[in-house]
Protein backbone atom coordinates (compact mmCIF):
# COMPACT_ATOMS: atom_id res chain seq x y z
CA MET A 1 8.69 -2.39 -24.84
CA ALA A 2 5.58 -1.87 -25.22
CA GLY A 3 3.70 0.37 -22.79
CA ALA A 4 1.38 3.73 -22.99
CA ILE A 5 2.96 7.18 -23.77
CA TYR A 6 2.53 9.67 -21.57
CA PRO A 7 2.75 12.97 -23.29
CA ASP A 8 3.66 15.25 -20.54
CA LEU A 9 6.55 13.34 -20.01
CA ALA A 10 8.23 14.58 -23.27
CA GLY A 11 11.03 16.68 -22.51
CA ARG A 12 11.06 16.09 -18.70
CA ALA A 13 14.05 16.33 -17.14
CA VAL A 14 14.82 12.87 -15.31
CA LEU A 15 17.60 11.12 -13.05
CA VAL A 16 17.87 7.45 -12.19
CA THR A 17 20.42 6.33 -9.86
CA GLY A 18 21.34 2.44 -10.63
CA GLY A 19 20.43 2.98 -14.46
CA ALA A 20 22.97 1.02 -15.81
CA THR A 21 21.57 -2.48 -15.91
CA GLY A 22 18.47 -4.75 -14.62
CA ILE A 23 15.62 -2.45 -13.78
CA GLY A 24 17.50 0.85 -13.52
CA GLU A 25 18.15 0.06 -17.50
CA ALA A 26 14.56 -0.50 -18.32
CA ILE A 27 13.72 2.29 -16.15
CA VAL A 28 16.15 4.57 -18.15
CA ARG A 29 14.77 2.94 -21.38
CA ALA A 30 10.74 3.31 -20.62
CA PHE A 31 11.81 7.10 -20.13
CA ALA A 32 13.90 7.41 -23.33
CA ARG A 33 10.82 5.38 -24.92
CA GLN A 34 8.51 8.40 -23.71
CA LYS A 35 10.93 11.46 -24.81
CA SER A 36 11.92 12.55 -21.41
CA ARG A 37 15.55 13.88 -20.92
CA VAL A 38 17.47 11.29 -19.32
CA GLY A 39 20.06 11.15 -16.52
CA PHE A 40 21.33 8.12 -14.77
CA ILE A 41 24.27 7.21 -12.19
CA ASP A 42 25.80 4.11 -11.96
CA ILE A 43 29.33 2.95 -11.18
CA GLN A 44 29.52 0.38 -13.69
CA GLN A 45 30.91 2.32 -16.39
CA GLU A 46 30.93 -0.22 -19.64
CA PRO A 47 27.29 -1.03 -19.89
CA ALA A 48 26.36 2.17 -18.78
CA THR A 49 28.14 3.62 -21.93
CA ALA A 50 26.69 0.69 -23.83
CA LEU A 51 23.08 1.87 -23.49
CA VAL A 52 23.62 5.32 -23.90
CA GLN A 53 24.85 5.13 -27.33
CA ALA A 54 22.03 2.79 -27.98
CA LEU A 55 19.50 4.91 -26.91
CA ARG A 56 20.57 7.63 -28.42
CA GLU A 57 20.93 5.98 -31.83
CA GLN A 58 17.28 5.54 -31.28
CA GLY A 59 16.93 8.70 -31.28
CA GLY A 60 16.75 9.22 -27.19
CA GLU A 61 18.67 11.99 -25.15
CA VAL A 62 20.04 10.52 -22.20
CA HIS A 63 23.27 11.08 -20.47
CA PHE A 64 25.43 9.31 -17.96
CA GLU A 65 27.89 10.24 -15.15
CA HIS A 66 29.77 8.06 -13.12
CA ALA A 67 29.44 7.70 -9.39
CA ASP A 68 29.63 6.10 -6.36
CA LEU A 69 26.54 6.21 -4.75
CA THR A 70 27.72 5.95 -1.22
CA ASP A 71 30.13 8.40 -1.98
CA ILE A 72 27.16 11.81 -1.18
CA ALA A 73 30.14 14.38 -2.66
CA ALA A 74 30.23 12.30 -5.72
CA LEU A 75 26.72 11.65 -5.74
CA ARG A 76 26.02 15.79 -5.53
CA ALA A 77 28.80 16.08 -8.43
CA ALA A 78 27.08 14.05 -10.35
CA ILE A 79 23.67 15.30 -9.96
CA ASP A 80 25.02 19.00 -10.51
CA ALA A 81 26.59 17.15 -13.46
CA LEU A 82 23.71 15.96 -14.97
CA ARG A 83 21.63 19.03 -14.06
CA ALA A 84 23.86 20.98 -16.05
CA ARG A 85 23.00 18.66 -19.68
CA ILE A 86 19.17 18.39 -18.72
CA GLY A 87 17.90 20.84 -17.14
CA PRO A 88 16.44 20.85 -12.88
CA ILE A 89 15.44 17.90 -12.26
CA GLU A 90 11.39 17.06 -12.26
CA VAL A 91 11.25 13.28 -11.52
CA LEU A 92 13.55 11.15 -9.62
CA VAL A 93 13.83 7.53 -9.56
CA ASN A 94 15.85 6.20 -6.34
CA ASN A 95 16.34 2.95 -7.92
CA ALA A 96 20.16 1.84 -7.08
CA ALA A 97 20.64 -0.99 -4.36
CA LEU A 98 22.45 -4.16 -3.79
CA ASP A 99 20.52 -6.87 -2.26
CA GLN A 100 23.94 -8.32 -0.42
CA ARG A 101 23.26 -11.78 1.38
CA HIS A 102 24.92 -12.07 5.07
CA THR A 103 24.43 -13.64 7.94
CA THR A 104 23.78 -11.82 11.43
CA GLU A 105 26.32 -13.29 13.11
CA ASP A 106 28.83 -12.03 10.90
CA VAL A 107 27.59 -8.53 9.97
CA THR A 108 30.27 -6.05 11.22
CA PRO A 109 29.55 -2.08 12.18
CA GLU A 110 31.66 -1.14 8.96
CA GLN A 111 29.03 -4.01 6.81
CA TRP A 112 26.09 -2.50 8.42
CA ASP A 113 27.27 1.39 7.66
CA ALA A 114 28.21 0.30 3.68
CA LEU A 115 24.57 -1.87 3.37
CA ILE A 116 22.55 1.17 4.94
CA ALA A 117 24.69 3.15 2.57
CA VAL A 118 23.65 1.35 -0.84
CA ASN A 119 20.02 0.90 0.06
CA LEU A 120 18.86 3.91 2.14
CA ARG A 121 21.25 6.79 2.70
CA HIS A 122 22.08 7.43 -0.98
CA GLN A 123 17.94 8.09 -1.69
CA PHE A 124 17.75 10.54 0.74
CA PHE A 125 20.59 12.81 -0.30
CA ALA A 126 19.60 11.94 -3.79
CA ALA A 127 16.15 13.78 -2.81
CA GLN A 128 17.67 16.90 -1.13
CA ALA A 129 19.91 17.39 -3.50
CA VAL A 130 16.85 17.68 -6.56
CA LEU A 131 14.12 18.77 -3.93
CA PRO A 132 14.80 23.10 -3.94
CA ALA A 133 14.19 22.71 -8.09
CA MET A 134 11.41 20.66 -7.85
CA LYS A 135 9.90 23.48 -4.72
CA ALA A 136 10.83 26.33 -7.42
CA ALA A 137 8.99 25.36 -10.45
CA GLN A 138 6.19 23.75 -7.82
CA ARG A 139 5.65 20.51 -9.05
CA GLY A 140 8.07 16.99 -8.92
CA ALA A 141 8.25 13.10 -8.64
CA ILE A 142 10.40 10.94 -6.97
CA VAL A 143 9.62 7.44 -6.86
CA ASN A 144 11.75 5.67 -3.67
CA PHE A 145 12.54 2.11 -4.23
CA ALA A 146 11.75 -0.50 -1.79
CA SER A 147 11.18 -4.22 -1.74
CA ILE A 148 8.66 -7.36 -0.85
CA SER A 149 12.08 -8.70 0.94
CA TRP A 150 10.61 -7.30 4.57
CA MET A 151 7.20 -7.84 3.65
CA ALA A 152 7.36 -11.86 3.47
CA GLY A 153 9.53 -12.20 5.70
CA MET A 154 12.73 -13.37 3.94
CA GLY A 155 16.00 -14.31 5.58
CA GLY A 156 19.53 -13.96 5.44
CA MET A 157 19.85 -10.24 4.37
CA ALA A 158 18.78 -8.09 7.65
CA VAL A 159 20.83 -5.47 6.96
CA TYR A 160 18.83 -5.37 3.66
CA THR A 161 15.51 -5.91 4.66
CA ALA A 162 16.20 -3.28 7.35
CA ALA A 163 17.10 -0.77 4.77
CA LYS A 164 14.41 -1.44 2.22
CA SER A 165 11.27 -1.25 5.21
CA ALA A 166 12.91 2.41 6.12
CA VAL A 167 11.96 3.50 2.62
CA LEU A 168 8.69 3.89 3.75
CA GLY A 169 9.06 5.89 6.45
CA LEU A 170 11.30 8.15 4.10
CA THR A 171 8.76 8.60 1.38
CA ARG A 172 6.11 9.09 3.57
CA SER A 173 7.66 12.14 5.45
CA LEU A 174 9.09 13.29 2.40
CA ALA A 175 5.61 13.17 0.97
CA ARG A 176 4.11 14.81 3.85
CA ASP A 177 6.52 17.59 3.95
CA TYR A 178 6.81 18.55 0.41
CA GLY A 179 3.08 17.57 -1.00
CA PRO A 180 2.08 21.91 -0.52
CA PHE A 181 4.44 22.34 -2.92
CA ASN A 182 3.16 19.52 -5.41
CA ILE A 183 5.82 17.48 -5.25
CA ARG A 184 4.61 13.90 -5.31
CA VAL A 185 6.30 11.00 -3.39
CA ASN A 186 6.03 7.38 -3.46
CA ALA A 187 7.52 3.91 -3.06
CA VAL A 188 7.69 0.95 -5.01
CA ALA A 189 8.73 -2.78 -3.74
CA PRO A 190 9.33 -5.35 -6.34
CA GLY A 191 9.12 -8.67 -6.33
CA TRP A 192 11.83 -11.12 -7.78
CA ILE A 193 12.48 -9.68 -11.33
CA ARG A 194 14.26 -11.84 -13.48
CA THR A 195 17.24 -9.40 -14.26
CA GLU A 196 20.90 -11.05 -15.69
CA ARG A 197 22.14 -10.60 -11.93
CA GLN A 198 19.31 -12.63 -10.26
CA GLN A 199 19.89 -15.23 -12.51
CA ARG A 200 23.53 -15.29 -12.22
CA LEU A 201 23.45 -15.07 -8.39
CA TRP A 202 20.57 -16.09 -6.61
CA ILE A 203 17.54 -18.14 -9.17
CA THR A 204 17.57 -21.88 -8.98
CA PRO A 205 15.51 -24.41 -10.04
CA GLU A 206 14.16 -24.92 -6.47
CA GLY A 207 13.71 -21.17 -5.79
CA GLU A 208 11.86 -20.59 -9.01
CA GLN A 209 9.39 -23.37 -8.31
CA ARG A 210 8.85 -21.46 -4.69
CA MET A 211 8.43 -18.32 -6.37
CA LEU A 212 5.75 -19.67 -8.69
CA GLN A 213 3.69 -21.30 -5.78
CA ALA A 214 3.82 -18.08 -3.75
CA GLN A 215 3.03 -15.87 -7.00
CA CYS A 216 -0.69 -15.55 -7.36
CA LEU A 217 0.95 -14.79 -11.43
CA LYS A 218 2.34 -18.42 -12.88
CA ARG A 219 5.28 -16.27 -14.59
CA TRP A 220 8.68 -14.79 -13.78
CA LEU A 221 8.36 -10.83 -13.59
CA VAL A 222 10.47 -9.11 -15.99
CA PRO A 223 12.15 -5.63 -15.45
CA ASP A 224 9.23 -3.85 -17.78
CA ASP A 225 6.55 -5.13 -15.34
CA VAL A 226 8.47 -2.49 -12.97
CA ALA A 227 9.42 0.16 -15.16
CA ARG A 228 5.92 0.51 -16.92
CA PHE A 229 5.02 1.47 -13.67
CA VAL A 230 7.55 3.78 -12.24
CA VAL A 231 6.84 5.57 -15.82
CA PHE A 232 3.36 5.80 -14.76
CA LEU A 233 4.04 7.11 -11.68
CA ALA A 234 5.87 10.01 -12.67
CA SER A 235 3.00 11.22 -15.04
CA ASP A 236 0.25 13.02 -14.03
CA GLU A 237 -2.08 10.29 -14.96
CA ALA A 238 -0.95 9.76 -11.06
CA ALA A 239 -1.56 13.53 -10.40
CA ALA A 240 -3.28 12.06 -7.26
CA CYS A 241 -0.98 9.39 -5.89
CA THR A 242 1.43 10.49 -3.19
CA SER A 243 2.97 9.19 0.36
CA GLN A 244 1.92 5.46 -1.05
CA HIS A 245 4.13 1.83 -1.07
CA TYR A 246 3.25 0.36 -3.84
CA VAL A 247 3.93 -3.41 -4.62
CA VAL A 248 4.50 -4.87 -8.00
CA ASP A 249 5.02 -8.77 -7.15
CA GLY A 250 2.48 -10.12 -9.14
CA GLY A 251 0.77 -11.34 -6.05
CA TRP A 252 3.20 -12.85 -3.42
CA VAL A 253 2.68 -11.52 -0.36
C-alpha cells in the first residue's frame, strides 16, 4: 500500500473494530505502516490471527482480541484487554458492520435488534469506552463508518440503511460534546468497495455496469482507497476536521 506517512501517528494507540478482513484489514495494515500501536477486534479468528502474524513479521505492533461486538460486555472486555497491551486508546475506528440484505416484510423485531446491534450500537459503546482516556489526554480522534446506501436510495436493506444514516447523528453529537476536549469525531461513508465479501456475495456483471455508470471515476474502489483517508482523518493533518461526513465513493452520490 502506497501513501503518505504521518509522523504524529507513530506510536499512537489505535483501535479498529472489524479489522480482520475487507476495509478493516486495510485500515489495520495502514496504521501498522504508520508505526502506530494497533489493536483490533473481530469475530473471525483465523484471518485475524494470520493478519497479526504477517504484520508482526514486517515489524508492526499489532494485537487482536476475539469478540462478538453485538455483546457489549464482550466488546468492553476486548477493549480493556487491548488497552492493557497498547495503552490508552488515542484513535478509534468504528469500522465493523454487516450489510445484510432483507425484505421489509420479513424483518422481525429480533432481526431489527440484531442488525442495529451489528451496524450501530457497538459504535456508541466503543466510543463510550475510550472517551474518558481521550478526555484525560485532551486529544483523540474517532472515525465512525457510515455508508452511501441511504444517500443513494438503495433498497433491499432498510434496517441497514437506517442504522448507517443514524451514524451521522451519533457522529455530530459526539463531536459537539467532546470538541472542548480536543477530540475530533468524523464519519466516513464508503461507496461500493471491491472486497472479497462483496465479490463473493453481491458483485455481478450487471451490478458492475450500474456502478460504473453511476460513479464519476470509472474503476472499482478498493479497501486501500478508504484506509488512506481514515489514516489522514486520524492524523494531525486533519486537526481542524470534526463533525463531518466524508463520502469516499468515486463520485457516486
